[in-house]
Amino acid sequence: MLRLRPYKSCDSKHIADWIKNEETFVKWGGERFGSYPINAKIIDDKYRLNNGDCVEEDNFYPMTAFDDSGVVGHFIMRYINGNNKILRFGWVIVDDTQRGKGYGKQMLELGLKYAFEILGVEKVTIGVFENNIPAYKCYKSIGFNEIATD
């Protein structure tokens, strides 16, 4: 059974291990982290300050998906433009050795449940690159609707 929990510093090693090439890095949203290659320290530094608090307090929720075998996925949630009724999912990634098992879909469904039932948002958005067809199909399958952007 897949479960979600808040990100821990030790998760950064798993996330970095899943980003094996520049294409994955870019599709994941890595441009916000600098340039490829990426490592656990870069990810953790982006997520945490030296005292362990979230970088963007009360606006940034990194989440980790896990099952009995360990960590299998990760994504972040953040409010858009200070509006606590609209949440954006991003930096979605699943362990490349676990893809095709439905973990991405399950992880985001749990994220949506958390967003609506716990955080009380009214809308959740997500972005996807046009060339990331598997992610696009996953997002559509859980109810995201396409909105064209420039």
Protein backbone atom coordinates (compact mmCIF):
# COMPACT_ATOMS: atom_id res chain seq x y z
CA MET A 1 0.00 0.00 0.00
CA LEU A 2 1.35 3.40 -0.98
CA ARG A 3 1.51 6.13 1.65
CA LEU A 4 2.64 9.76 1.80
CA ARG A 5 4.72 11.56 4.37
CA PRO A 6 6.53 14.89 4.50
CA TYR A 7 9.96 14.97 2.88
CA LYS A 8 13.00 14.14 5.02
CA SER A 9 16.59 15.09 4.21
CA CYS A 10 17.45 11.42 3.67
CA ASP A 11 14.96 11.34 0.76
CA SER A 12 17.20 13.61 -1.32
CA LYS A 13 19.57 10.72 -2.07
CA HIS A 14 16.74 8.66 -3.56
CA ILE A 15 15.47 11.57 -5.65
CA ALA A 16 18.95 12.34 -6.98
CA ASP A 17 19.48 8.66 -7.84
CA TRP A 18 16.31 8.67 -9.99
CA ILE A 19 17.60 11.57 -12.10
CA LYS A 20 20.02 9.60 -14.25
CA ASN A 21 20.26 11.89 -17.27
CA GLU A 22 19.74 15.47 -18.36
CA GLU A 23 16.41 14.73 -20.08
CA THR A 24 14.93 13.41 -16.83
CA PHE A 25 16.42 16.37 -14.97
CA VAL A 26 14.75 18.87 -17.32
CA LYS A 27 11.36 17.08 -17.34
CA TRP A 28 11.46 16.92 -13.54
CA GLY A 29 11.90 20.69 -13.39
CA GLY A 30 15.56 20.71 -12.64
CA GLU A 31 16.20 24.14 -14.12
CA ARG A 32 15.10 25.48 -10.73
CA PHE A 33 18.05 23.62 -9.21
CA GLY A 34 20.71 24.90 -11.59
CA SER A 35 22.37 22.64 -14.09
CA TYR A 36 22.71 18.89 -14.50
CA PRO A 37 24.05 16.77 -12.84
CA ILE A 38 22.26 17.07 -9.52
CA ASN A 39 23.05 15.50 -6.17
CA ALA A 40 21.35 14.97 -2.82
CA LYS A 41 22.94 18.03 -1.22
CA ILE A 42 21.64 20.36 -3.94
CA ILE A 43 18.12 18.99 -3.51
CA ASP A 44 18.20 19.12 0.27
CA ASP A 45 19.67 22.63 0.30
CA LYS A 46 16.82 23.76 -1.95
CA TYR A 47 14.28 22.29 0.47
CA ARG A 48 15.77 23.19 3.83
CA LEU A 49 17.62 25.92 5.70
CA ASN A 50 20.44 25.09 8.06
CA ASN A 51 18.04 24.85 11.00
CA GLY A 52 15.86 22.28 9.24
CA ASP A 53 12.89 24.55 8.54
CA CYS A 54 11.24 24.66 5.15
CA VAL A 55 12.72 27.26 2.83
CA GLU A 56 9.31 28.75 2.06
CA GLU A 57 7.50 28.39 5.34
CA ASP A 58 3.80 27.60 5.01
CA ASN A 59 3.93 27.69 1.23
CA PHE A 60 6.05 24.69 0.32
CA TYR A 61 5.18 21.07 1.04
CA PRO A 62 7.63 18.47 -0.29
CA MET A 63 6.10 15.00 0.00
CA THR A 64 7.53 11.50 -0.27
CA ALA A 65 5.64 8.39 -1.34
CA PHE A 66 6.67 5.07 0.12
CA ASP A 67 5.52 1.49 0.48
CA ASP A 68 6.82 -1.54 2.35
CA SER A 69 9.87 -1.64 0.07
CA GLY A 70 10.87 1.97 0.82
CA VAL A 71 10.75 5.34 -0.93
CA VAL A 72 9.22 5.16 -4.42
CA GLY A 73 8.20 8.69 -5.37
CA HIS A 74 8.28 12.38 -4.60
CA PHE A 75 6.54 15.65 -5.44
CA ILE A 76 6.03 19.11 -3.98
CA MET A 77 2.94 21.17 -3.30
CA ARG A 78 2.98 24.95 -3.06
CA TYR A 79 0.43 27.72 -2.99
CA ILE A 80 0.15 29.94 -6.05
CA ASN A 81 0.67 33.70 -5.65
CA GLY A 82 -0.07 33.63 -1.92
CA ASN A 83 -3.57 32.23 -2.50
CA ASN A 84 -4.16 29.39 -0.07
CA LYS A 85 -7.08 28.11 -2.16
CA ILE A 86 -4.96 27.20 -5.21
CA LEU A 87 -2.21 24.62 -4.92
CA ARG A 88 0.37 23.64 -7.52
CA PHE A 89 1.96 20.20 -7.74
CA GLY A 90 5.49 20.04 -9.10
CA TRP A 91 8.80 18.21 -9.20
CA VAL A 92 6.93 14.94 -9.62
CA ILE A 93 9.17 11.90 -9.91
CA VAL A 94 8.89 8.15 -9.38
CA ASP A 95 11.73 5.69 -8.87
CA ASP A 96 12.65 4.69 -12.42
CA THR A 97 12.87 1.02 -11.37
CA GLN A 98 9.28 1.19 -10.09
CA ARG A 99 7.62 2.91 -13.08
CA GLY A 100 4.68 1.19 -14.70
CA LYS A 101 3.24 -0.02 -11.39
CA GLY A 102 0.81 2.87 -10.97
CA TYR A 103 2.82 4.57 -8.23
CA GLY A 104 2.73 7.98 -9.91
CA LYS A 105 -1.05 7.86 -10.17
CA GLN A 106 -1.49 6.59 -6.61
CA MET A 107 0.96 9.15 -5.24
CA LEU A 108 -0.82 12.07 -6.90
CA GLU A 109 -4.25 10.77 -5.91
CA LEU A 110 -3.06 10.77 -2.29
CA GLY A 111 -1.69 14.27 -2.86
CA LEU A 112 -5.06 15.45 -4.18
CA LYS A 113 -6.84 13.94 -1.20
CA TYR A 114 -4.43 15.74 1.14
CA ALA A 115 -4.78 19.01 -0.78
CA PHE A 116 -8.57 19.05 -0.74
CA GLU A 117 -9.34 17.35 2.57
CA ILE A 118 -6.48 18.53 4.79
CA LEU A 119 -5.31 21.80 3.27
CA GLY A 120 -8.82 22.77 2.12
CA VAL A 121 -7.83 24.08 -1.31
CA GLU A 122 -10.38 24.66 -4.04
CA LYS A 123 -8.13 24.00 -7.02
CA VAL A 124 -4.97 22.03 -7.77
CA THR A 125 -2.83 22.67 -10.85
CA ILE A 126 0.11 20.85 -12.37
CA GLY A 127 2.40 21.49 -15.30
CA VAL A 128 3.81 19.03 -17.79
CA PHE A 129 6.16 19.36 -20.73
CA GLU A 130 4.60 18.53 -24.12
CA ASN A 131 7.20 15.83 -24.72
CA ASN A 132 6.44 14.03 -21.44
CA ILE A 133 3.59 11.85 -22.70
CA PRO A 134 3.64 9.29 -19.82
CA ALA A 135 3.27 12.09 -17.24
CA TYR A 136 0.55 13.78 -19.32
CA LYS A 137 -1.45 10.53 -19.49
CA CYS A 138 -0.99 9.97 -15.75
CA TYR A 139 -2.25 13.47 -14.90
CA LYS A 140 -5.24 13.14 -17.24
CA SER A 141 -6.13 9.75 -15.73
CA ILE A 142 -6.59 11.27 -12.28
CA GLY A 143 -8.74 14.14 -13.43
CA PHE A 144 -6.45 17.01 -14.41
CA ASN A 145 -7.77 18.96 -17.39
CA GLU A 146 -5.62 20.49 -20.07
CA ILE A 147 -5.39 24.27 -20.19
CA ALA A 148 -3.25 25.74 -22.94
CA THR A 149 -0.51 28.14 -21.80
CA ASP A 150 2.07 30.24 -23.60
